[in-house]
């Protein structure tokens, strides 16, 4: 991205050169049409930068010179700034519930990425898809069905950070296994709905190509 000066202030997002724990924040910024500095840290540069970060890990979001860290804190902050965090307290709580549930599960999703041996990696992915994914997909489908606005979004009548979290979650799963979400048509359709939003589609088409 270009200059970080934008509506609501100046934004600088620092993370490694990948999607990972910063991608939902990037999606929030894209959905809002907000310019920001997208700082990509290479692994070779990380040891020097690490002690300068608030807690020794990334992402770090800098807003008008003030720093925030922790993935969910950053995501919630940006969502609140850009009208992506629901219309009332119950919607906010349900959005938070979806985000936290997916964040917990994503820890398992990322483990196979670091397995070198292909057979072992395939077995780890199969275990996740067969034994752990059904429960979280059932939860998400139930939440979607419970949304009485019939908006097609997971909570309330408009796009929220919960939908962006699901969009990235589906992307992550698809990178692990091309068939992982085939039978979860409601969540697949929700992800497609988010991906068809012009600002999101433009961002995805132009973002840096990284596997994860």
N, C-alpha and C. Protein backbone atom coordinates (compact mmCIF):
# COMPACT_ATOMS: atom_id res chain seq x y z
N UNK A 1 0.83 -1.19 0.00
CA UNK A 1 0.00 0.00 0.00
C UNK A 1 0.87 1.24 0.00
N UNK A 2 0.28 2.36 -0.32
CA UNK A 2 1.01 3.61 -0.39
C UNK A 2 1.09 4.28 0.96
N UNK A 3 0.97 5.60 0.95
CA UNK A 3 1.08 6.40 2.17
C UNK A 3 0.09 5.94 3.21
N UNK A 4 0.50 6.04 4.48
CA UNK A 4 -0.37 5.61 5.56
C UNK A 4 -1.35 6.68 5.99
N UNK A 5 -1.26 7.89 5.47
CA UNK A 5 -2.18 8.95 5.85
C UNK A 5 -3.54 8.68 5.25
N UNK A 6 -4.60 8.68 6.07
CA UNK A 6 -5.92 8.38 5.57
C UNK A 6 -6.96 8.89 6.54
N UNK A 7 -8.23 8.66 6.20
CA UNK A 7 -9.30 9.10 7.07
C UNK A 7 -9.17 8.43 8.43
N UNK A 8 -9.34 9.21 9.48
CA UNK A 8 -9.23 8.66 10.82
C UNK A 8 -7.82 8.61 11.34
N UNK A 9 -6.85 8.98 10.50
CA UNK A 9 -5.49 9.01 11.00
C UNK A 9 -4.51 8.32 10.08
N UNK A 10 -3.33 8.06 10.62
CA UNK A 10 -2.24 7.42 9.89
C UNK A 10 -2.07 6.01 10.43
N UNK A 11 -2.07 5.02 9.52
CA UNK A 11 -2.02 3.62 9.90
C UNK A 11 -0.77 2.95 9.33
N UNK A 12 -0.08 2.22 10.18
CA UNK A 12 1.06 1.41 9.74
C UNK A 12 0.92 0.03 10.36
N UNK A 13 0.84 -0.98 9.50
CA UNK A 13 0.67 -2.36 9.96
C UNK A 13 1.95 -3.13 9.66
N UNK A 14 2.55 -3.68 10.70
CA UNK A 14 3.81 -4.41 10.56
C UNK A 14 3.59 -5.89 10.84
N UNK A 15 4.01 -6.71 9.89
CA UNK A 15 3.90 -8.17 10.03
C UNK A 15 4.92 -8.80 9.10
N UNK A 16 5.04 -10.12 9.19
CA UNK A 16 5.93 -10.84 8.30
C UNK A 16 5.39 -10.81 6.87
N UNK A 17 6.19 -11.28 5.93
CA UNK A 17 5.78 -11.26 4.52
C UNK A 17 4.87 -12.45 4.22
N UNK A 18 3.66 -12.39 4.75
CA UNK A 18 2.67 -13.43 4.55
C UNK A 18 1.33 -12.94 5.04
N UNK A 19 0.31 -13.78 4.90
CA UNK A 19 -1.03 -13.41 5.36
C UNK A 19 -1.13 -13.53 6.87
N UNK A 20 -1.11 -14.76 7.35
CA UNK A 20 -1.01 -15.04 8.77
C UNK A 20 -1.93 -14.24 9.66
N UNK A 21 -1.36 -13.73 10.75
CA UNK A 21 -2.14 -13.07 11.79
C UNK A 21 -2.43 -11.60 11.48
N UNK A 22 -2.02 -11.14 10.31
CA UNK A 22 -2.29 -9.75 9.93
C UNK A 22 -3.33 -9.64 8.83
N UNK A 23 -3.74 -10.75 8.23
CA UNK A 23 -4.55 -10.64 7.02
C UNK A 23 -5.95 -10.12 7.29
N UNK A 24 -6.55 -10.46 8.40
CA UNK A 24 -7.88 -9.92 8.70
C UNK A 24 -7.81 -8.41 8.88
N UNK A 25 -6.75 -7.93 9.51
CA UNK A 25 -6.56 -6.48 9.63
C UNK A 25 -6.44 -5.84 8.25
N UNK A 26 -5.68 -6.45 7.37
CA UNK A 26 -5.55 -5.93 6.01
C UNK A 26 -6.90 -5.92 5.30
N UNK A 27 -7.70 -6.97 5.52
CA UNK A 27 -9.03 -7.03 4.91
C UNK A 27 -9.95 -5.94 5.46
N UNK A 28 -9.85 -5.65 6.75
CA UNK A 28 -10.62 -4.54 7.33
C UNK A 28 -10.26 -3.22 6.66
N UNK A 29 -8.99 -2.99 6.50
CA UNK A 29 -8.52 -1.76 5.87
C UNK A 29 -8.95 -1.69 4.41
N UNK A 30 -8.91 -2.83 3.74
CA UNK A 30 -9.35 -2.88 2.34
C UNK A 30 -10.85 -2.61 2.22
N UNK A 31 -11.62 -3.24 3.10
CA UNK A 31 -13.08 -3.05 3.07
C UNK A 31 -13.45 -1.59 3.29
N UNK A 32 -12.67 -0.93 4.14
CA UNK A 32 -12.94 0.48 4.45
C UNK A 32 -12.36 1.44 3.42
N UNK A 33 -11.54 0.91 2.51
CA UNK A 33 -10.90 1.77 1.53
C UNK A 33 -9.87 2.70 2.12
N UNK A 34 -9.21 2.24 3.17
CA UNK A 34 -8.26 3.07 3.91
C UNK A 34 -6.83 2.74 3.48
N UNK A 35 -6.05 3.76 3.18
CA UNK A 35 -4.65 3.58 2.84
C UNK A 35 -3.83 3.39 4.12
N UNK A 36 -2.77 2.61 4.00
CA UNK A 36 -1.93 2.34 5.16
C UNK A 36 -0.56 1.89 4.69
N UNK A 37 0.40 1.93 5.58
CA UNK A 37 1.72 1.38 5.30
C UNK A 37 1.71 -0.11 5.64
N UNK A 38 1.95 -0.93 4.65
CA UNK A 38 1.96 -2.38 4.82
C UNK A 38 3.42 -2.84 4.93
N UNK A 39 3.92 -2.88 6.15
CA UNK A 39 5.33 -3.21 6.39
C UNK A 39 5.49 -4.72 6.47
N UNK A 40 6.28 -5.27 5.55
CA UNK A 40 6.51 -6.72 5.50
C UNK A 40 7.92 -7.01 6.00
N UNK A 41 8.01 -7.77 7.07
CA UNK A 41 9.29 -8.05 7.71
C UNK A 41 9.82 -9.40 7.23
N UNK A 42 11.00 -9.41 6.69
CA UNK A 42 11.64 -10.66 6.30
C UNK A 42 12.24 -11.33 7.54
N UNK A 43 12.32 -12.66 7.50
CA UNK A 43 12.81 -13.39 8.66
C UNK A 43 14.22 -12.96 9.05
N UNK A 44 15.02 -12.59 8.06
CA UNK A 44 16.40 -12.18 8.35
C UNK A 44 16.46 -10.87 9.13
N UNK A 45 15.41 -10.06 9.03
CA UNK A 45 15.37 -8.77 9.71
C UNK A 45 14.68 -8.84 11.08
N UNK A 46 14.03 -9.97 11.35
CA UNK A 46 13.23 -10.07 12.56
C UNK A 46 14.03 -9.99 13.86
N UNK A 47 15.18 -10.64 13.98
CA UNK A 47 15.91 -10.57 15.25
C UNK A 47 16.22 -9.14 15.70
N UNK A 48 16.52 -8.27 14.76
CA UNK A 48 16.82 -6.88 15.12
C UNK A 48 15.57 -6.10 15.49
N UNK A 49 14.44 -6.45 14.85
CA UNK A 49 13.19 -5.73 15.11
C UNK A 49 12.48 -6.23 16.37
N UNK A 50 12.61 -7.51 16.67
CA UNK A 50 11.85 -8.13 17.75
C UNK A 50 11.90 -7.37 19.08
N UNK A 51 13.06 -6.98 19.58
CA UNK A 51 13.10 -6.29 20.88
C UNK A 51 12.48 -4.89 20.85
N UNK A 52 12.21 -4.39 19.66
CA UNK A 52 11.62 -3.06 19.54
C UNK A 52 10.09 -3.11 19.52
N UNK A 53 9.51 -4.32 19.48
CA UNK A 53 8.05 -4.47 19.47
C UNK A 53 7.53 -4.55 20.91
N UNK A 54 6.25 -4.23 21.12
CA UNK A 54 5.72 -4.20 22.49
C UNK A 54 5.83 -5.51 23.26
N UNK A 55 5.59 -6.64 22.58
CA UNK A 55 5.59 -7.93 23.27
C UNK A 55 6.51 -8.95 22.62
N UNK A 56 7.28 -8.53 21.64
CA UNK A 56 8.19 -9.47 21.01
C UNK A 56 7.56 -10.33 19.95
N UNK A 57 6.41 -9.92 19.42
CA UNK A 57 5.81 -10.63 18.30
C UNK A 57 4.97 -9.67 17.47
N UNK A 58 4.53 -10.16 16.32
CA UNK A 58 3.74 -9.39 15.38
C UNK A 58 2.37 -10.05 15.20
N UNK A 59 1.37 -9.28 14.73
CA UNK A 59 1.44 -7.94 14.14
C UNK A 59 1.49 -6.81 15.17
N UNK A 60 1.92 -5.65 14.67
CA UNK A 60 1.83 -4.41 15.41
C UNK A 60 1.15 -3.38 14.51
N UNK A 61 0.14 -2.75 15.03
CA UNK A 61 -0.55 -1.68 14.31
C UNK A 61 -0.19 -0.35 14.97
N UNK A 62 0.30 0.58 14.17
CA UNK A 62 0.60 1.91 14.67
C UNK A 62 -0.45 2.88 14.13
N UNK A 63 -1.13 3.57 15.04
CA UNK A 63 -2.17 4.54 14.67
C UNK A 63 -1.77 5.90 15.22
N UNK A 64 -1.47 6.82 14.33
CA UNK A 64 -1.04 8.16 14.74
C UNK A 64 0.09 8.09 15.76
N UNK A 65 1.02 7.16 15.54
CA UNK A 65 2.19 7.05 16.40
C UNK A 65 2.00 6.19 17.63
N UNK A 66 0.78 5.70 17.89
CA UNK A 66 0.52 4.85 19.05
C UNK A 66 0.40 3.40 18.59
N UNK A 67 1.02 2.48 19.35
CA UNK A 67 1.10 1.10 18.93
C UNK A 67 0.06 0.21 19.63
N UNK A 68 -0.47 -0.72 18.85
CA UNK A 68 -1.31 -1.80 19.36
C UNK A 68 -0.72 -3.12 18.90
N UNK A 69 -0.76 -4.12 19.75
CA UNK A 69 -0.34 -5.45 19.35
C UNK A 69 -1.41 -6.45 19.78
N UNK A 70 -1.21 -7.72 19.46
CA UNK A 70 -2.16 -8.82 19.63
C UNK A 70 -3.16 -8.81 18.47
N UNK A 71 -3.21 -9.89 17.73
CA UNK A 71 -4.02 -9.99 16.53
C UNK A 71 -5.48 -9.57 16.73
N UNK A 72 -6.14 -10.15 17.73
CA UNK A 72 -7.56 -9.86 17.91
C UNK A 72 -7.80 -8.44 18.38
N UNK A 73 -6.88 -7.89 19.13
CA UNK A 73 -7.00 -6.49 19.54
C UNK A 73 -6.94 -5.58 18.32
N UNK A 74 -6.00 -5.84 17.44
CA UNK A 74 -5.86 -5.06 16.21
C UNK A 74 -7.10 -5.19 15.34
N UNK A 75 -7.58 -6.42 15.17
CA UNK A 75 -8.76 -6.65 14.33
C UNK A 75 -9.99 -5.93 14.90
N UNK A 76 -10.18 -6.05 16.21
CA UNK A 76 -11.34 -5.40 16.83
C UNK A 76 -11.25 -3.88 16.72
N UNK A 77 -10.06 -3.35 16.93
CA UNK A 77 -9.89 -1.90 16.86
C UNK A 77 -10.26 -1.39 15.47
N UNK A 78 -9.70 -2.01 14.44
CA UNK A 78 -9.97 -1.56 13.07
C UNK A 78 -11.45 -1.74 12.73
N UNK A 79 -12.02 -2.85 13.17
CA UNK A 79 -13.45 -3.08 12.91
C UNK A 79 -14.30 -1.99 13.54
N UNK A 80 -13.96 -1.60 14.76
CA UNK A 80 -14.69 -0.53 15.44
C UNK A 80 -14.54 0.80 14.75
N UNK A 81 -13.36 1.05 14.22
CA UNK A 81 -13.10 2.31 13.53
C UNK A 81 -13.89 2.44 12.23
N UNK A 82 -14.10 1.31 11.56
CA UNK A 82 -14.64 1.35 10.20
C UNK A 82 -16.05 0.79 10.06
N UNK A 83 -16.78 0.68 11.18
CA UNK A 83 -18.18 0.23 11.10
C UNK A 83 -18.33 -1.23 10.76
N UNK A 84 -17.36 -2.04 11.17
CA UNK A 84 -17.38 -3.48 10.87
C UNK A 84 -17.55 -4.32 12.12
N UNK A 85 -18.09 -3.73 13.18
CA UNK A 85 -18.18 -4.43 14.46
C UNK A 85 -19.61 -4.44 15.01
N UNK A 86 -20.59 -4.54 14.12
CA UNK A 86 -21.96 -4.70 14.54
C UNK A 86 -22.65 -3.40 14.88
N UNK A 87 -23.97 -3.51 15.11
CA UNK A 87 -24.81 -2.33 15.35
C UNK A 87 -25.31 -2.21 16.78
N UNK A 88 -25.08 -3.23 17.59
CA UNK A 88 -25.49 -3.18 19.00
C UNK A 88 -24.59 -4.12 19.80
N UNK A 89 -24.77 -4.13 21.10
CA UNK A 89 -23.87 -4.91 21.97
C UNK A 89 -23.95 -6.40 21.70
N UNK A 90 -25.15 -6.93 21.42
CA UNK A 90 -25.27 -8.36 21.15
C UNK A 90 -24.57 -8.73 19.86
N UNK A 91 -24.72 -7.91 18.83
CA UNK A 91 -24.00 -8.17 17.59
C UNK A 91 -22.49 -8.14 17.81
N UNK A 92 -22.04 -7.16 18.56
CA UNK A 92 -20.60 -7.08 18.86
C UNK A 92 -20.12 -8.35 19.56
N UNK A 93 -20.91 -8.82 20.51
CA UNK A 93 -20.52 -10.02 21.25
C UNK A 93 -20.50 -11.25 20.35
N UNK A 94 -21.49 -11.38 19.46
CA UNK A 94 -21.52 -12.53 18.54
C UNK A 94 -20.37 -12.47 17.54
N UNK A 95 -20.06 -11.27 17.05
CA UNK A 95 -18.92 -11.10 16.15
C UNK A 95 -17.64 -11.51 16.87
N UNK A 96 -17.49 -11.07 18.10
CA UNK A 96 -16.31 -11.42 18.91
C UNK A 96 -16.24 -12.93 19.12
N UNK A 97 -17.38 -13.54 19.34
CA UNK A 97 -17.44 -14.99 19.55
C UNK A 97 -16.93 -15.73 18.31
N UNK A 98 -17.38 -15.31 17.14
CA UNK A 98 -16.93 -15.93 15.89
C UNK A 98 -15.43 -15.75 15.72
N UNK A 99 -14.95 -14.53 15.92
CA UNK A 99 -13.52 -14.24 15.75
C UNK A 99 -12.66 -15.09 16.69
N UNK A 100 -13.07 -15.16 17.95
CA UNK A 100 -12.28 -15.88 18.94
C UNK A 100 -12.29 -17.39 18.67
N UNK A 101 -13.46 -17.91 18.28
CA UNK A 101 -13.58 -19.33 17.97
C UNK A 101 -12.67 -19.71 16.81
N UNK A 102 -12.68 -18.91 15.77
CA UNK A 102 -11.83 -19.20 14.61
C UNK A 102 -10.36 -19.03 14.97
N UNK A 103 -10.03 -18.02 15.76
CA UNK A 103 -8.64 -17.82 16.17
C UNK A 103 -8.11 -19.04 16.92
N UNK A 104 -8.94 -19.60 17.80
CA UNK A 104 -8.53 -20.79 18.55
C UNK A 104 -8.28 -21.96 17.60
N UNK A 105 -9.17 -22.14 16.63
CA UNK A 105 -9.05 -23.27 15.71
C UNK A 105 -7.88 -23.08 14.75
N UNK A 106 -7.59 -21.84 14.38
CA UNK A 106 -6.53 -21.56 13.41
C UNK A 106 -5.17 -22.02 13.92
N UNK A 107 -5.00 -22.08 15.23
CA UNK A 107 -3.75 -22.60 15.79
C UNK A 107 -3.50 -24.02 15.28
N UNK A 108 -4.56 -24.84 15.24
CA UNK A 108 -4.43 -26.19 14.72
C UNK A 108 -4.19 -26.18 13.22
N UNK A 109 -4.87 -25.28 12.51
CA UNK A 109 -4.77 -25.23 11.05
C UNK A 109 -3.36 -24.94 10.57
N UNK A 110 -2.64 -24.14 11.32
CA UNK A 110 -1.32 -23.72 10.85
C UNK A 110 -0.22 -24.74 11.16
N UNK A 111 -0.48 -25.68 12.04
CA UNK A 111 0.56 -26.64 12.41
C UNK A 111 1.09 -27.46 11.23
N UNK A 112 0.24 -27.95 10.32
CA UNK A 112 0.77 -28.73 9.20
C UNK A 112 1.71 -27.96 8.28
N UNK A 113 1.58 -26.65 8.25
CA UNK A 113 2.43 -25.82 7.38
C UNK A 113 3.91 -26.05 7.68
N UNK A 114 4.21 -26.34 8.94
CA UNK A 114 5.60 -26.44 9.36
C UNK A 114 6.13 -27.88 9.34
N UNK A 115 5.29 -28.80 8.86
CA UNK A 115 5.74 -30.20 8.74
C UNK A 115 6.44 -30.37 7.39
N UNK A 116 7.66 -30.82 7.41
CA UNK A 116 8.46 -30.93 6.19
C UNK A 116 8.09 -32.16 5.36
N UNK A 117 7.91 -33.28 6.03
CA UNK A 117 7.68 -34.55 5.33
C UNK A 117 6.25 -34.59 4.78
N UNK A 118 6.12 -34.81 3.47
CA UNK A 118 4.83 -34.65 2.80
C UNK A 118 3.77 -35.63 3.30
N UNK A 119 4.14 -36.87 3.53
CA UNK A 119 3.16 -37.85 4.00
C UNK A 119 2.64 -37.48 5.38
N UNK A 120 3.53 -37.04 6.24
CA UNK A 120 3.13 -36.63 7.59
C UNK A 120 2.26 -35.37 7.53
N UNK A 121 2.61 -34.47 6.64
CA UNK A 121 1.80 -33.25 6.48
C UNK A 121 0.39 -33.61 6.00
N UNK A 122 0.29 -34.48 5.01
CA UNK A 122 -1.01 -34.89 4.48
C UNK A 122 -1.86 -35.55 5.56
N UNK A 123 -1.23 -36.36 6.39
CA UNK A 123 -1.95 -37.03 7.47
C UNK A 123 -2.45 -36.03 8.50
N UNK A 124 -1.63 -35.02 8.81
CA UNK A 124 -2.03 -33.98 9.76
C UNK A 124 -3.21 -33.17 9.23
N UNK A 125 -3.17 -32.83 7.94
CA UNK A 125 -4.27 -32.09 7.32
C UNK A 125 -5.55 -32.92 7.34
N UNK A 126 -5.43 -34.21 6.99
CA UNK A 126 -6.60 -35.09 6.98
C UNK A 126 -7.21 -35.19 8.37
N UNK A 127 -6.37 -35.26 9.40
CA UNK A 127 -6.87 -35.34 10.77
C UNK A 127 -7.67 -34.09 11.14
N UNK A 128 -7.16 -32.93 10.75
CA UNK A 128 -7.86 -31.67 11.04
C UNK A 128 -9.21 -31.63 10.32
N UNK A 129 -9.18 -31.95 9.02
CA UNK A 129 -10.40 -31.87 8.20
C UNK A 129 -11.45 -32.88 8.67
N UNK A 130 -11.00 -34.07 9.05
CA UNK A 130 -11.94 -35.13 9.41
C UNK A 130 -12.44 -35.05 10.84
N UNK A 131 -11.59 -34.60 11.78
CA UNK A 131 -11.96 -34.70 13.19
C UNK A 131 -12.26 -33.38 13.88
N UNK A 132 -11.67 -32.28 13.39
CA UNK A 132 -11.84 -31.00 14.08
C UNK A 132 -12.68 -30.00 13.31
N UNK A 133 -12.59 -30.03 12.00
CA UNK A 133 -13.32 -29.06 11.19
C UNK A 133 -14.84 -29.18 11.28
N UNK A 134 -15.42 -30.39 11.32
CA UNK A 134 -16.88 -30.48 11.34
C UNK A 134 -17.54 -29.70 12.47
N UNK A 135 -16.94 -29.70 13.64
CA UNK A 135 -17.56 -29.02 14.79
C UNK A 135 -17.60 -27.51 14.58
N UNK A 136 -16.50 -26.93 14.11
CA UNK A 136 -16.49 -25.48 13.93
C UNK A 136 -17.37 -25.07 12.76
N UNK A 137 -17.44 -25.89 11.72
CA UNK A 137 -18.32 -25.56 10.60
C UNK A 137 -19.79 -25.66 11.01
N UNK A 138 -20.11 -26.63 11.85
CA UNK A 138 -21.48 -26.75 12.36
C UNK A 138 -21.84 -25.51 13.18
N UNK A 139 -20.90 -25.05 13.99
CA UNK A 139 -21.12 -23.83 14.78
C UNK A 139 -21.36 -22.62 13.87
N UNK A 140 -20.52 -22.46 12.84
CA UNK A 140 -20.66 -21.32 11.93
C UNK A 140 -21.97 -21.39 11.14
N UNK A 141 -22.33 -22.57 10.69
CA UNK A 141 -23.58 -22.71 9.95
C UNK A 141 -24.79 -22.41 10.83
N UNK A 142 -24.73 -22.84 12.08
CA UNK A 142 -25.82 -22.55 13.01
C UNK A 142 -25.92 -21.04 13.26
N UNK A 143 -24.79 -20.37 13.42
CA UNK A 143 -24.78 -18.93 13.61
C UNK A 143 -25.35 -18.21 12.40
N UNK A 144 -25.00 -18.69 11.22
CA UNK A 144 -25.51 -18.09 9.98
C UNK A 144 -27.03 -18.27 9.89
N UNK A 145 -27.51 -19.46 10.20
CA UNK A 145 -28.95 -19.73 10.17
C UNK A 145 -29.71 -18.90 11.20
N UNK A 146 -29.04 -18.58 12.31
CA UNK A 146 -29.70 -17.83 13.39
C UNK A 146 -29.80 -16.34 13.10
N UNK A 147 -29.10 -15.88 12.07
CA UNK A 147 -29.14 -14.46 11.72
C UNK A 147 -30.47 -14.14 11.05
N UNK A 148 -31.35 -13.52 11.79
CA UNK A 148 -32.72 -13.29 11.32
C UNK A 148 -32.83 -12.17 10.29
N UNK A 149 -31.74 -11.46 10.01
CA UNK A 149 -31.81 -10.40 9.01
C UNK A 149 -31.82 -10.96 7.59
N UNK A 150 -31.42 -12.24 7.44
CA UNK A 150 -31.33 -12.86 6.12
C UNK A 150 -30.43 -12.07 5.17
N UNK A 151 -29.41 -11.46 5.73
CA UNK A 151 -28.49 -10.64 4.94
C UNK A 151 -27.47 -11.48 4.17
N UNK A 152 -27.31 -12.73 4.62
CA UNK A 152 -26.26 -13.57 4.05
C UNK A 152 -24.95 -13.44 4.78
N UNK A 153 -24.87 -12.48 5.72
CA UNK A 153 -23.67 -12.32 6.54
C UNK A 153 -23.86 -13.09 7.84
N UNK A 154 -22.78 -13.30 8.56
CA UNK A 154 -22.83 -14.18 9.73
C UNK A 154 -23.54 -13.53 10.91
N UNK A 155 -23.42 -12.22 11.06
CA UNK A 155 -24.06 -11.49 12.16
C UNK A 155 -24.62 -10.18 11.63
N UNK A 156 -25.88 -9.91 11.92
CA UNK A 156 -26.47 -8.62 11.56
C UNK A 156 -26.72 -8.46 10.08
N UNK A 157 -27.03 -7.24 9.70
CA UNK A 157 -27.47 -6.97 8.34
C UNK A 157 -26.42 -6.45 7.39
N UNK A 158 -25.17 -6.40 7.84
CA UNK A 158 -24.13 -5.87 6.96
C UNK A 158 -22.80 -6.57 7.22
N UNK A 159 -21.86 -6.33 6.34
CA UNK A 159 -20.53 -6.91 6.48
C UNK A 159 -19.91 -6.55 7.82
N UNK A 160 -19.25 -7.53 8.43
CA UNK A 160 -18.52 -7.28 9.68
C UNK A 160 -17.17 -7.97 9.64
N UNK A 161 -16.37 -7.69 10.63
CA UNK A 161 -15.07 -8.33 10.74
C UNK A 161 -15.21 -9.84 10.92
N UNK A 162 -16.34 -10.31 11.42
CA UNK A 162 -16.56 -11.75 11.53
C UNK A 162 -16.60 -12.39 10.14
N UNK A 163 -17.26 -11.73 9.19
CA UNK A 163 -17.30 -12.24 7.81
C UNK A 163 -15.91 -12.23 7.18
N UNK A 164 -15.15 -11.18 7.45
CA UNK A 164 -13.79 -11.11 6.91
C UNK A 164 -12.90 -12.19 7.52
N UNK A 165 -13.14 -12.49 8.80
CA UNK A 165 -12.40 -13.57 9.47
C UNK A 165 -12.74 -14.91 8.82
N UNK A 166 -14.02 -15.13 8.53
CA UNK A 166 -14.44 -16.37 7.87
C UNK A 166 -13.85 -16.45 6.46
N UNK A 167 -13.85 -15.34 5.76
CA UNK A 167 -13.28 -15.29 4.41
C UNK A 167 -11.82 -15.75 4.43
N UNK A 168 -11.05 -15.23 5.36
CA UNK A 168 -9.65 -15.63 5.46
C UNK A 168 -9.52 -17.08 5.95
N UNK A 169 -10.38 -17.48 6.85
CA UNK A 169 -10.40 -18.86 7.35
C UNK A 169 -10.61 -19.85 6.21
N UNK A 170 -11.57 -19.55 5.34
CA UNK A 170 -11.83 -20.42 4.19
C UNK A 170 -10.63 -20.45 3.25
N UNK A 171 -10.00 -19.31 3.05
CA UNK A 171 -8.80 -19.24 2.23
C UNK A 171 -7.69 -20.12 2.82
N UNK A 172 -7.52 -20.04 4.12
CA UNK A 172 -6.50 -20.85 4.80
C UNK A 172 -6.79 -22.34 4.64
N UNK A 173 -8.04 -22.72 4.85
CA UNK A 173 -8.43 -24.12 4.71
C UNK A 173 -8.22 -24.62 3.28
N UNK A 174 -8.56 -23.78 2.31
CA UNK A 174 -8.41 -24.16 0.90
C UNK A 174 -6.95 -24.36 0.53
N UNK A 175 -6.07 -23.60 1.17
CA UNK A 175 -4.64 -23.79 0.93
C UNK A 175 -4.12 -25.09 1.54
N UNK A 176 -4.76 -25.51 2.63
CA UNK A 176 -4.37 -26.78 3.25
C UNK A 176 -4.88 -27.97 2.45
N UNK A 177 -6.14 -27.85 1.98
CA UNK A 177 -6.76 -28.95 1.25
C UNK A 177 -7.79 -28.38 0.28
N UNK A 178 -7.67 -28.71 -0.97
CA UNK A 178 -8.57 -28.15 -1.99
C UNK A 178 -10.01 -28.59 -1.81
N UNK A 179 -10.23 -29.66 -1.04
CA UNK A 179 -11.59 -30.16 -0.85
C UNK A 179 -12.12 -29.93 0.57
N UNK A 180 -11.38 -29.21 1.39
CA UNK A 180 -11.73 -29.08 2.82
C UNK A 180 -13.12 -28.53 3.05
N UNK A 181 -13.54 -27.57 2.24
CA UNK A 181 -14.83 -26.92 2.51
C UNK A 181 -15.92 -27.31 1.51
N UNK A 182 -15.66 -28.33 0.70
CA UNK A 182 -16.61 -28.68 -0.36
C UNK A 182 -18.03 -28.93 0.14
N UNK A 183 -18.16 -29.60 1.27
CA UNK A 183 -19.50 -29.95 1.74
C UNK A 183 -20.14 -28.89 2.62
N UNK A 184 -19.39 -27.84 2.91
CA UNK A 184 -19.93 -26.78 3.77
C UNK A 184 -20.40 -25.62 2.89
N UNK A 185 -21.48 -25.86 2.18
CA UNK A 185 -21.90 -24.93 1.12
C UNK A 185 -22.31 -23.57 1.66
N UNK A 186 -22.91 -23.52 2.84
CA UNK A 186 -23.35 -22.23 3.39
C UNK A 186 -22.15 -21.33 3.70
N UNK A 187 -21.12 -21.91 4.27
CA UNK A 187 -19.93 -21.12 4.60
C UNK A 187 -19.15 -20.78 3.33
N UNK A 188 -19.14 -21.71 2.41
CA UNK A 188 -18.48 -21.43 1.12
C UNK A 188 -19.17 -20.28 0.40
N UNK A 189 -20.52 -20.27 0.44
CA UNK A 189 -21.27 -19.19 -0.20
C UNK A 189 -21.05 -17.85 0.50
N UNK A 190 -20.96 -17.88 1.84
CA UNK A 190 -20.67 -16.65 2.59
C UNK A 190 -19.30 -16.10 2.19
N UNK A 191 -18.32 -16.98 2.11
CA UNK A 191 -16.99 -16.55 1.71
C UNK A 191 -17.00 -15.95 0.30
N UNK A 192 -17.75 -16.58 -0.60
CA UNK A 192 -17.85 -16.07 -1.96
C UNK A 192 -18.52 -14.71 -1.99
N UNK A 193 -19.52 -14.52 -1.14
CA UNK A 193 -20.23 -13.23 -1.05
C UNK A 193 -19.26 -12.13 -0.62
N UNK A 194 -18.43 -12.43 0.37
CA UNK A 194 -17.44 -11.46 0.83
C UNK A 194 -16.41 -11.19 -0.27
N UNK A 195 -15.96 -12.25 -0.91
CA UNK A 195 -14.96 -12.11 -1.95
C UNK A 195 -15.44 -11.34 -3.17
N UNK A 196 -16.76 -11.27 -3.35
CA UNK A 196 -17.32 -10.55 -4.49
C UNK A 196 -17.47 -9.05 -4.23
N UNK A 197 -17.32 -8.62 -2.98
CA UNK A 197 -17.37 -7.19 -2.67
C UNK A 197 -16.22 -6.50 -3.40
N UNK A 198 -16.51 -5.42 -4.08
CA UNK A 198 -15.53 -4.82 -4.98
C UNK A 198 -14.20 -4.50 -4.29
N UNK A 199 -14.28 -3.89 -3.12
CA UNK A 199 -13.05 -3.50 -2.43
C UNK A 199 -12.22 -4.71 -2.02
N UNK A 200 -12.90 -5.79 -1.64
CA UNK A 200 -12.20 -7.01 -1.24
C UNK A 200 -11.62 -7.71 -2.47
N UNK A 201 -12.42 -7.80 -3.53
CA UNK A 201 -11.95 -8.44 -4.76
C UNK A 201 -10.72 -7.71 -5.32
N UNK A 202 -10.75 -6.39 -5.27
CA UNK A 202 -9.62 -5.60 -5.76
C UNK A 202 -8.38 -5.84 -4.92
N UNK A 203 -8.57 -5.86 -3.60
CA UNK A 203 -7.44 -6.11 -2.71
C UNK A 203 -6.84 -7.49 -2.96
N UNK A 204 -7.68 -8.52 -3.03
CA UNK A 204 -7.20 -9.88 -3.22
C UNK A 204 -6.45 -10.02 -4.55
N UNK A 205 -6.97 -9.37 -5.58
CA UNK A 205 -6.34 -9.46 -6.90
C UNK A 205 -4.97 -8.82 -6.93
N UNK A 206 -4.76 -7.84 -6.06
CA UNK A 206 -3.52 -7.06 -6.10
C UNK A 206 -2.58 -7.30 -4.93
N UNK A 207 -2.99 -8.11 -3.96
CA UNK A 207 -2.13 -8.30 -2.80
C UNK A 207 -0.91 -9.14 -3.16
N UNK A 208 0.09 -9.05 -2.34
CA UNK A 208 1.31 -9.83 -2.56
C UNK A 208 0.99 -11.31 -2.47
N UNK A 209 1.53 -12.08 -3.39
CA UNK A 209 1.24 -13.50 -3.46
C UNK A 209 2.11 -14.28 -2.49
N UNK A 210 1.49 -14.80 -1.45
CA UNK A 210 2.18 -15.64 -0.48
C UNK A 210 1.28 -16.83 -0.19
N UNK A 211 1.86 -18.00 0.11
CA UNK A 211 1.02 -19.19 0.33
C UNK A 211 0.19 -19.09 1.61
N UNK A 212 0.77 -18.46 2.65
CA UNK A 212 0.06 -18.37 3.92
C UNK A 212 0.28 -17.00 4.53
